[in-house]
Amino acid sequence: LVADDTAANLSAQYSGDRRLLVRVAGPEADVQRLLAGI
């Protein structure tokens, strides 16, 4: 047995990368400031 958990927990355990990749139609600099301020 090498794993026993939920898919979400296994993904968090092995990924080490919690980032979200977002595509937005809008002015680049303004969108980046808005995202950083959330």
PDB file of all heavy atoms in Angstrom:
ATOM      1  N   LEU A   1       0.843  -1.183   0.000  1.00  0.00           N
ATOM      2  CA  LEU A   1       0.000   0.000   0.000  1.00  0.00           C
ATOM      3  C   LEU A   1       0.889   1.247   0.000  1.00  0.00           C
ATOM      4  O   LEU A   1       1.761   1.389   0.857  1.00  0.00           O
ATOM      5  CB  LEU A   1      -0.917  -0.013   1.229  1.00  0.00           C
ATOM      6  CG  LEU A   1      -1.996   1.066   1.299  1.00  0.00           C
ATOM      7  CD1 LEU A   1      -3.226   0.522   2.014  1.00  0.00           C
ATOM      8  CD2 LEU A   1      -1.492   2.297   2.040  1.00  0.00           C
ATOM      9  N   VAL A   2       0.668   2.139  -0.966  1.00  0.00           N
ATOM     10  CA  VAL A   2       1.492   3.342  -1.056  1.00  0.00           C
ATOM     11  C   VAL A   2       0.699   4.625  -0.822  1.00  0.00           C
ATOM     12  O   VAL A   2       1.298   5.686  -0.641  1.00  0.00           O
ATOM     13  CB  VAL A   2       2.242   3.421  -2.407  1.00  0.00           C
ATOM     14  CG1 VAL A   2       3.244   2.288  -2.527  1.00  0.00           C
ATOM     15  CG2 VAL A   2       1.273   3.413  -3.591  1.00  0.00           C
ATOM     16  N   ALA A   3      -0.640   4.549  -0.833  1.00  0.00           N
ATOM     17  CA  ALA A   3      -1.435   5.753  -0.563  1.00  0.00           C
ATOM     18  C   ALA A   3      -2.829   5.364  -0.119  1.00  0.00           C
ATOM     19  O   ALA A   3      -3.402   4.381  -0.604  1.00  0.00           O
ATOM     20  CB  ALA A   3      -1.504   6.642  -1.797  1.00  0.00           C
ATOM     21  N   ASP A   4      -3.381   6.143   0.814  1.00  0.00           N
ATOM     22  CA  ASP A   4      -4.747   5.940   1.289  1.00  0.00           C
ATOM     23  C   ASP A   4      -5.261   7.278   1.791  1.00  0.00           C
ATOM     24  O   ASP A   4      -4.978   7.675   2.922  1.00  0.00           O
ATOM     25  CB  ASP A   4      -4.772   4.888   2.403  1.00  0.00           C
ATOM     26  CG  ASP A   4      -6.178   4.650   2.952  1.00  0.00           C
ATOM     27  OD1 ASP A   4      -7.126   5.291   2.465  1.00  0.00           O
ATOM     28  OD2 ASP A   4      -6.326   3.813   3.866  1.00  0.00           O
ATOM     29  N   ASP A   5      -5.994   7.998   0.940  1.00  0.00           N
ATOM     30  CA  ASP A   5      -6.467   9.330   1.307  1.00  0.00           C
ATOM     31  C   ASP A   5      -7.433   9.823   0.247  1.00  0.00           C
ATOM     32  O   ASP A   5      -7.703   9.128  -0.744  1.00  0.00           O
ATOM     33  CB  ASP A   5      -5.286  10.298   1.450  1.00  0.00           C
ATOM     34  CG  ASP A   5      -5.527  11.349   2.528  1.00  0.00           C
ATOM     35  OD1 ASP A   5      -6.699  11.739   2.722  1.00  0.00           O
ATOM     36  OD2 ASP A   5      -4.556  11.771   3.174  1.00  0.00           O
ATOM     37  N   THR A   6      -7.957  11.031   0.425  1.00  0.00           N
ATOM     38  CA  THR A   6      -8.801  11.641  -0.603  1.00  0.00           C
ATOM     39  C   THR A   6      -7.918  12.146  -1.744  1.00  0.00           C
ATOM     40  O   THR A   6      -6.718  12.400  -1.561  1.00  0.00           O
ATOM     41  CB  THR A   6      -9.605  12.809  -0.039  1.00  0.00           C
ATOM     42  OG1 THR A   6      -8.693  13.851   0.368  1.00  0.00           O
ATOM     43  CG2 THR A   6     -10.441  12.377   1.164  1.00  0.00           C
ATOM     44  N   ALA A   7      -8.520  12.309  -2.916  1.00  0.00           N
ATOM     45  CA  ALA A   7      -7.769  12.826  -4.064  1.00  0.00           C
ATOM     46  C   ALA A   7      -7.230  14.222  -3.766  1.00  0.00           C
ATOM     47  O   ALA A   7      -6.095  14.551  -4.122  1.00  0.00           O
ATOM     48  CB  ALA A   7      -8.661  12.851  -5.302  1.00  0.00           C
ATOM     49  N   ALA A   8      -8.035  15.053  -3.096  1.00  0.00           N
ATOM     50  CA  ALA A   8      -7.607  16.417  -2.785  1.00  0.00           C
ATOM     51  C   ALA A   8      -6.402  16.417  -1.848  1.00  0.00           C
ATOM     52  O   ALA A   8      -5.448  17.175  -2.043  1.00  0.00           O
ATOM     53  CB  ALA A   8      -8.765  17.195  -2.161  1.00  0.00           C
ATOM     54  N   ASN A   9      -6.442  15.563  -0.823  1.00  0.00           N
ATOM     55  CA  ASN A   9      -5.328  15.522   0.120  1.00  0.00           C
ATOM     56  C   ASN A   9      -4.056  14.966  -0.523  1.00  0.00           C
ATOM     57  O   ASN A   9      -2.950  15.432  -0.236  1.00  0.00           O
ATOM     58  CB  ASN A   9      -5.699  14.680   1.337  1.00  0.00           C
ATOM     59  CG  ASN A   9      -6.670  15.378   2.259  1.00  0.00           C
ATOM     60  OD1 ASN A   9      -6.897  16.584   2.135  1.00  0.00           O
ATOM     61  ND2 ASN A   9      -7.273  14.645   3.172  1.00  0.00           N
ATOM     62  N   LEU A  10      -4.213  13.972  -1.388  1.00  0.00           N
ATOM     63  CA  LEU A  10      -3.048  13.434  -2.085  1.00  0.00           C
ATOM     64  C   LEU A  10      -2.431  14.487  -2.995  1.00  0.00           C
ATOM     65  O   LEU A  10      -1.209  14.612  -3.091  1.00  0.00           O
ATOM     66  CB  LEU A  10      -3.442  12.206  -2.906  1.00  0.00           C
ATOM     67  CG  LEU A  10      -3.762  10.936  -2.110  1.00  0.00           C
ATOM     68  CD1 LEU A  10      -4.295   9.852  -3.039  1.00  0.00           C
ATOM     69  CD2 LEU A  10      -2.537  10.437  -1.368  1.00  0.00           C
ATOM     70  N   SER A  11      -3.285  15.259  -3.671  1.00  0.00           N
ATOM     71  CA  SER A  11      -2.780  16.307  -4.549  1.00  0.00           C
ATOM     72  C   SER A  11      -2.017  17.351  -3.754  1.00  0.00           C
ATOM     73  O   SER A  11      -0.920  17.776  -4.139  1.00  0.00           O
ATOM     74  CB  SER A  11      -3.948  16.964  -5.299  1.00  0.00           C
ATOM     75  OG  SER A  11      -3.490  17.968  -6.165  1.00  0.00           O
ATOM     76  N   ALA A  12      -2.574  17.760  -2.608  1.00  0.00           N
ATOM     77  CA  ALA A  12      -1.886  18.740  -1.767  1.00  0.00           C
ATOM     78  C   ALA A  12      -0.580  18.176  -1.213  1.00  0.00           C
ATOM     79  O   ALA A  12       0.427  18.891  -1.110  1.00  0.00           O
ATOM     80  CB  ALA A  12      -2.805  19.171  -0.626  1.00  0.00           C
ATOM     81  N   GLN A  13      -0.588  16.892  -0.874  1.00  0.00           N
ATOM     82  CA  GLN A  13       0.596  16.251  -0.296  1.00  0.00           C
ATOM     83  C   GLN A  13       1.753  16.212  -1.279  1.00  0.00           C
ATOM     84  O   GLN A  13       2.899  16.481  -0.931  1.00  0.00           O
ATOM     85  CB  GLN A  13       0.230  14.829   0.136  1.00  0.00           C
ATOM     86  CG  GLN A  13       1.404  13.968   0.567  1.00  0.00           C
ATOM     87  CD  GLN A  13       1.888  14.282   1.972  1.00  0.00           C
ATOM     88  OE1 GLN A  13       1.171  14.920   2.726  1.00  0.00           O
ATOM     89  NE2 GLN A  13       3.076  13.842   2.312  1.00  0.00           N
ATOM     90  N   TYR A  14       1.447  15.890  -2.538  1.00  0.00           N
ATOM     91  CA  TYR A  14       2.513  15.659  -3.499  1.00  0.00           C
ATOM     92  C   TYR A  14       2.816  16.854  -4.387  1.00  0.00           C
ATOM     93  O   TYR A  14       3.897  16.927  -4.974  1.00  0.00           O
ATOM     94  CB  TYR A  14       2.174  14.442  -4.373  1.00  0.00           C
ATOM     95  CG  TYR A  14       2.449  13.156  -3.664  1.00  0.00           C
ATOM     96  CD1 TYR A  14       1.445  12.507  -2.953  1.00  0.00           C
ATOM     97  CD2 TYR A  14       3.717  12.604  -3.644  1.00  0.00           C
ATOM     98  CE1 TYR A  14       1.694  11.333  -2.265  1.00  0.00           C
ATOM     99  CE2 TYR A  14       3.985  11.425  -2.955  1.00  0.00           C
ATOM    100  CZ  TYR A  14       2.969  10.800  -2.272  1.00  0.00           C
ATOM    101  OH  TYR A  14       3.220   9.647  -1.576  1.00  0.00           O
ATOM    102  N   SER A  15       1.912  17.782  -4.519  1.00  0.00           N
ATOM    103  CA  SER A  15       2.131  18.878  -5.456  1.00  0.00           C
ATOM    104  C   SER A  15       3.142  19.895  -4.956  1.00  0.00           C
ATOM    105  O   SER A  15       4.073  20.263  -5.653  1.00  0.00           O
ATOM    106  CB  SER A  15       0.807  19.589  -5.758  1.00  0.00           C
ATOM    107  OG  SER A  15      -0.059  18.752  -6.464  1.00  0.00           O
ATOM    108  N   GLY A  16       2.913  20.391  -3.750  1.00  0.00           N
ATOM    109  CA  GLY A  16       3.749  21.481  -3.261  1.00  0.00           C
ATOM    110  C   GLY A  16       3.495  22.764  -4.040  1.00  0.00           C
ATOM    111  O   GLY A  16       4.281  23.707  -3.988  1.00  0.00           O
ATOM    112  N   ASP A  17       2.425  22.798  -4.810  1.00  0.00           N
ATOM    113  CA  ASP A  17       2.115  23.965  -5.635  1.00  0.00           C
ATOM    114  C   ASP A  17       0.621  24.239  -5.516  1.00  0.00           C
ATOM    115  O   ASP A  17      -0.204  23.561  -6.117  1.00  0.00           O
ATOM    116  CB  ASP A  17       2.496  23.707  -7.092  1.00  0.00           C
ATOM    117  CG  ASP A  17       2.432  24.980  -7.943  1.00  0.00           C
ATOM    118  OD1 ASP A  17       1.827  25.971  -7.489  1.00  0.00           O
ATOM    119  OD2 ASP A  17       2.989  24.970  -9.054  1.00  0.00           O
ATOM    120  N   ARG A  18       0.279  25.253  -4.710  1.00  0.00           N
ATOM    121  CA  ARG A  18      -1.127  25.563  -4.468  1.00  0.00           C
ATOM    122  C   ARG A  18      -1.643  26.622  -5.431  1.00  0.00           C
ATOM    123  O   ARG A  18      -2.781  27.073  -5.309  1.00  0.00           O
ATOM    124  CB  ARG A  18      -1.307  26.068  -3.027  1.00  0.00           C
ATOM    125  CG  ARG A  18      -0.870  25.103  -1.952  1.00  0.00           C
ATOM    126  CD  ARG A  18      -1.229  25.627  -0.565  1.00  0.00           C
ATOM    127  NE  ARG A  18      -0.784  26.989  -0.368  1.00  0.00           N
ATOM    128  CZ  ARG A  18       0.434  27.334   0.017  1.00  0.00           C
ATOM    129  NH1 ARG A  18       1.347  26.396   0.229  1.00  0.00           N
ATOM    130  NH2 ARG A  18       0.771  28.596   0.185  1.00  0.00           N
ATOM    131  N   ARG A  19      -0.832  27.043  -6.385  1.00  0.00           N
ATOM    132  CA  ARG A  19      -1.209  28.167  -7.227  1.00  0.00           C
ATOM    133  C   ARG A  19      -2.411  27.872  -8.128  1.00  0.00           C
ATOM    134  O   ARG A  19      -2.631  26.746  -8.543  1.00  0.00           O
ATOM    135  CB  ARG A  19      -0.022  28.601  -8.093  1.00  0.00           C
ATOM    136  CG  ARG A  19       1.119  29.233  -7.313  1.00  0.00           C
ATOM    137  CD  ARG A  19       2.243  29.642  -8.248  1.00  0.00           C
ATOM    138  NE  ARG A  19       2.809  28.478  -8.937  1.00  0.00           N
ATOM    139  CZ  ARG A  19       3.660  28.567  -9.960  1.00  0.00           C
ATOM    140  NH1 ARG A  19       4.010  29.758 -10.423  1.00  0.00           N
ATOM    141  NH2 ARG A  19       4.130  27.474 -10.515  1.00  0.00           N
ATOM    142  N   LEU A  20      -3.132  28.953  -8.409  1.00  0.00           N
ATOM    143  CA  LEU A  20      -4.215  28.904  -9.374  1.00  0.00           C
ATOM    144  C   LEU A  20      -3.771  29.647 -10.626  1.00  0.00           C
ATOM    145  O   LEU A  20      -3.141  30.710 -10.549  1.00  0.00           O
ATOM    146  CB  LEU A  20      -5.484  29.559  -8.825  1.00  0.00           C
ATOM    147  CG  LEU A  20      -6.093  28.923  -7.580  1.00  0.00           C
ATOM    148  CD1 LEU A  20      -7.236  29.792  -7.060  1.00  0.00           C
ATOM    149  CD2 LEU A  20      -6.587  27.519  -7.879  1.00  0.00           C
ATOM    150  N   LEU A  21      -4.088  29.092 -11.784  1.00  0.00           N
ATOM    151  CA  LEU A  21      -3.769  29.729 -13.050  1.00  0.00           C
ATOM    152  C   LEU A  21      -5.054  30.355 -13.585  1.00  0.00           C
ATOM    153  O   LEU A  21      -6.045  29.663 -13.798  1.00  0.00           O
ATOM    154  CB  LEU A  21      -3.217  28.693 -14.034  1.00  0.00           C
ATOM    155  CG  LEU A  21      -2.372  29.219 -15.193  1.00  0.00           C
ATOM    156  CD1 LEU A  21      -1.138  29.942 -14.660  1.00  0.00           C
ATOM    157  CD2 LEU A  21      -1.964  28.066 -16.092  1.00  0.00           C
ATOM    158  N   VAL A  22      -5.019  31.691 -13.771  1.00  0.00           N
ATOM    159  CA  VAL A  22      -6.218  32.445 -14.128  1.00  0.00           C
ATOM    160  C   VAL A  22      -6.007  33.179 -15.440  1.00  0.00           C
ATOM    161  O   VAL A  22      -4.940  33.759 -15.670  1.00  0.00           O
ATOM    162  CB  VAL A  22      -6.552  33.488 -13.025  1.00  0.00           C
ATOM    163  CG1 VAL A  22      -7.837  34.223 -13.346  1.00  0.00           C
ATOM    164  CG2 VAL A  22      -6.651  32.815 -11.672  1.00  0.00           C
ATOM    165  N   ARG A  23      -7.017  33.156 -16.301  1.00  0.00           N
ATOM    166  CA  ARG A  23      -7.001  33.971 -17.515  1.00  0.00           C
ATOM    167  C   ARG A  23      -8.128  34.984 -17.438  1.00  0.00           C
ATOM    168  O   ARG A  23      -9.286  34.617 -17.190  1.00  0.00           O
ATOM    169  CB  ARG A  23      -7.146  33.106 -18.766  1.00  0.00           C
ATOM    170  CG  ARG A  23      -5.897  32.296 -19.082  1.00  0.00           C
ATOM    171  CD  ARG A  23      -5.917  31.734 -20.482  1.00  0.00           C
ATOM    172  NE  ARG A  23      -4.701  30.987 -20.762  1.00  0.00           N
ATOM    173  CZ  ARG A  23      -4.354  30.551 -21.951  1.00  0.00           C
ATOM    174  NH1 ARG A  23      -5.136  30.769 -23.003  1.00  0.00           N
ATOM    175  NH2 ARG A  23      -3.223  29.880 -22.116  1.00  0.00           N
ATOM    176  N   VAL A  24      -7.778  36.267 -17.663  1.00  0.00           N
ATOM    177  CA  VAL A  24      -8.730  37.363 -17.509  1.00  0.00           C
ATOM    178  C   VAL A  24      -8.644  38.282 -18.715  1.00  0.00           C
ATOM    179  O   VAL A  24      -7.543  38.629 -19.175  1.00  0.00           O
ATOM    180  CB  VAL A  24      -8.445  38.168 -16.222  1.00  0.00           C
ATOM    181  CG1 VAL A  24      -9.440  39.320 -16.074  1.00  0.00           C
ATOM    182  CG2 VAL A  24      -8.503  37.256 -14.999  1.00  0.00           C
ATOM    183  N   ALA A  25      -9.806  38.695 -19.221  1.00  0.00           N
ATOM    184  CA  ALA A  25      -9.867  39.693 -20.288  1.00  0.00           C
ATOM    185  C   ALA A  25      -9.967  41.067 -19.634  1.00  0.00           C
ATOM    186  O   ALA A  25     -11.024  41.462 -19.142  1.00  0.00           O
ATOM    187  CB  ALA A  25     -11.071  39.436 -21.191  1.00  0.00           C
ATOM    188  N   GLY A  26      -8.843  41.781 -19.605  1.00  0.00           N
ATOM    189  CA  GLY A  26      -8.800  43.088 -18.969  1.00  0.00           C
ATOM    190  C   GLY A  26      -7.392  43.644 -19.020  1.00  0.00           C
ATOM    191  O   GLY A  26      -6.455  42.938 -19.409  1.00  0.00           O
ATOM    192  N   PRO A  27      -7.208  44.916 -18.642  1.00  0.00           N
ATOM    193  CA  PRO A  27      -5.867  45.522 -18.672  1.00  0.00           C
ATOM    194  C   PRO A  27      -4.915  44.808 -17.716  1.00  0.00           C
ATOM    195  O   PRO A  27      -5.221  44.632 -16.532  1.00  0.00           O
ATOM    196  CB  PRO A  27      -6.126  46.967 -18.246  1.00  0.00           C
ATOM    197  CG  PRO A  27      -7.439  46.950 -17.539  1.00  0.00           C
ATOM    198  CD  PRO A  27      -8.235  45.858 -18.155  1.00  0.00           C
ATOM    199  N   GLU A  28      -3.758  44.407 -18.223  1.00  0.00           N
ATOM    200  CA  GLU A  28      -2.845  43.524 -17.487  1.00  0.00           C
ATOM    201  C   GLU A  28      -2.467  44.063 -16.114  1.00  0.00           C
ATOM    202  O   GLU A  28      -2.616  43.375 -15.094  1.00  0.00           O
ATOM    203  CB  GLU A  28      -1.580  43.281 -18.319  1.00  0.00           C
ATOM    204  CG  GLU A  28      -0.566  42.368 -17.636  1.00  0.00           C
ATOM    205  CD  GLU A  28       0.670  42.138 -18.487  1.00  0.00           C
ATOM    206  OE1 GLU A  28       0.883  42.923 -19.441  1.00  0.00           O
ATOM    207  OE2 GLU A  28       1.426  41.201 -18.193  1.00  0.00           O
ATOM    208  N   ALA A  29      -1.961  45.292 -16.072  1.00  0.00           N
ATOM    209  CA  ALA A  29      -1.470  45.837 -14.806  1.00  0.00           C
ATOM    210  C   ALA A  29      -2.597  45.996 -13.789  1.00  0.00           C
ATOM    211  O   ALA A  29      -2.440  45.697 -12.593  1.00  0.00           O
ATOM    212  CB  ALA A  29      -0.774  47.174 -15.041  1.00  0.00           C
ATOM    213  N   ASP A  30      -3.777  46.474 -14.247  1.00  0.00           N
ATOM    214  CA  ASP A  30      -4.912  46.680 -13.343  1.00  0.00           C
ATOM    215  C   ASP A  30      -5.424  45.347 -12.796  1.00  0.00           C
ATOM    216  O   ASP A  30      -5.755  45.235 -11.608  1.00  0.00           O
ATOM    217  CB  ASP A  30      -6.040  47.413 -14.073  1.00  0.00           C
ATOM    218  CG  ASP A  30      -5.676  48.843 -14.419  1.00  0.00           C
ATOM    219  OD1 ASP A  30      -4.727  49.375 -13.808  1.00  0.00           O
ATOM    220  OD2 ASP A  30      -6.322  49.419 -15.313  1.00  0.00           O
ATOM    221  N   VAL A  31      -5.488  44.352 -13.677  1.00  0.00           N
ATOM    222  CA  VAL A  31      -5.952  43.036 -13.222  1.00  0.00           C
ATOM    223  C   VAL A  31      -4.988  42.459 -12.199  1.00  0.00           C
ATOM    224  O   VAL A  31      -5.398  41.921 -11.173  1.00  0.00           O
ATOM    225  CB  VAL A  31      -6.107  42.070 -14.419  1.00  0.00           C
ATOM    226  CG1 VAL A  31      -6.410  40.656 -13.921  1.00  0.00           C
ATOM    227  CG2 VAL A  31      -7.226  42.542 -15.345  1.00  0.00           C
ATOM    228  N   GLN A  32      -3.685  42.609 -12.435  1.00  0.00           N
ATOM    229  CA  GLN A  32      -2.698  42.056 -11.505  1.00  0.00           C
ATOM    230  C   GLN A  32      -2.813  42.710 -10.129  1.00  0.00           C
ATOM    231  O   GLN A  32      -2.733  42.032  -9.103  1.00  0.00           O
ATOM    232  CB  GLN A  32      -1.286  42.236 -12.059  1.00  0.00           C
ATOM    233  CG  GLN A  32      -0.217  41.559 -11.189  1.00  0.00           C
ATOM    234  CD  GLN A  32       1.144  41.580 -11.832  1.00  0.00           C
ATOM    235  OE1 GLN A  32       1.297  41.988 -12.990  1.00  0.00           O
ATOM    236  NE2 GLN A  32       2.159  41.152 -11.103  1.00  0.00           N
ATOM    237  N   ARG A  33      -3.028  44.035 -10.119  1.00  0.00           N
ATOM    238  CA  ARG A  33      -3.197  44.719  -8.826  1.00  0.00           C
ATOM    239  C   ARG A  33      -4.446  44.223  -8.109  1.00  0.00           C
ATOM    240  O   ARG A  33      -4.437  44.036  -6.889  1.00  0.00           O
ATOM    241  CB  ARG A  33      -3.276  46.240  -9.050  1.00  0.00           C
ATOM    242  CG  ARG A  33      -1.925  46.917  -9.221  1.00  0.00           C
ATOM    243  CD  ARG A  33      -2.038  48.423  -9.112  1.00  0.00           C
ATOM    244  NE  ARG A  33      -2.808  48.983 -10.221  1.00  0.00           N
ATOM    245  CZ  ARG A  33      -2.293  49.348 -11.391  1.00  0.00           C
ATOM    246  NH1 ARG A  33      -0.991  49.211 -11.603  1.00  0.00           N
ATOM    247  NH2 ARG A  33      -3.056  49.843 -12.338  1.00  0.00           N
ATOM    248  N   LEU A  34      -5.532  44.032  -8.870  1.00  0.00           N
ATOM    249  CA  LEU A  34      -6.765  43.551  -8.249  1.00  0.00           C
ATOM    250  C   LEU A  34      -6.560  42.161  -7.653  1.00  0.00           C
ATOM    251  O   LEU A  34      -6.974  41.895  -6.518  1.00  0.00           O
ATOM    252  CB  LEU A  34      -7.884  43.523  -9.291  1.00  0.00           C
ATOM    253  CG  LEU A  34      -9.258  43.015  -8.799  1.00  0.00           C
ATOM    254  CD1 LEU A  34     -10.381  43.780  -9.471  1.00  0.00           C
ATOM    255  CD2 LEU A  34      -9.426  41.515  -9.070  1.00  0.00           C
ATOM    256  N   LEU A  35      -5.910  41.282  -8.404  1.00  0.00           N
ATOM    257  CA  LEU A  35      -5.689  39.913  -7.917  1.00  0.00           C
ATOM    258  C   LEU A  35      -4.820  39.908  -6.669  1.00  0.00           C
ATOM    259  O   LEU A  35      -5.085  39.172  -5.716  1.00  0.00           O
ATOM    260  CB  LEU A  35      -5.033  39.073  -9.011  1.00  0.00           C
ATOM    261  CG  LEU A  35      -5.847  38.849 -10.298  1.00  0.00           C
ATOM    262  CD1 LEU A  35      -5.026  38.062 -11.316  1.00  0.00           C
ATOM    263  CD2 LEU A  35      -7.160  38.151 -10.006  1.00  0.00           C
ATOM    264  N   ALA A  36      -3.784  40.729  -6.655  1.00  0.00           N
ATOM    265  CA  ALA A  36      -2.878  40.788  -5.509  1.00  0.00           C
ATOM    266  C   ALA A  36      -3.574  41.321  -4.262  1.00  0.00           C
ATOM    267  O   ALA A  36      -3.150  41.044  -3.141  1.00  0.00           O
ATOM    268  CB  ALA A  36      -1.655  41.630  -5.852  1.00  0.00           C
ATOM    269  N   GLY A  37      -4.640  42.100  -4.459  1.00  0.00           N
ATOM    270  CA  GLY A  37      -5.337  42.708  -3.325  1.00  0.00           C
ATOM    271  C   GLY A  37      -6.450  41.863  -2.742  1.00  0.00           C
ATOM    272  O   GLY A  37      -7.079  42.266  -1.755  1.00  0.00           O
ATOM    273  N   ILE A  38      -6.714  40.707  -3.311  1.00  0.00           N
ATOM    274  CA  ILE A  38      -7.765  39.836  -2.778  1.00  0.00           C
ATOM    275  C   ILE A  38      -7.301  39.243  -1.448  1.00  0.00           C
ATOM    276  O   ILE A  38      -6.187  38.730  -1.344  1.00  0.00           O
ATOM    277  CB  ILE A  38      -8.088  38.704  -3.780  1.00  0.00           C
ATOM    278  CG1 ILE A  38      -8.706  39.277  -5.055  1.00  0.00           C
ATOM    279  CG2 ILE A  38      -9.030  37.672  -3.158  1.00  0.00           C
ATOM    280  CD1 ILE A  38      -8.938  38.246  -6.144  1.00  0.00           C
TER     281      ILE A  38
END
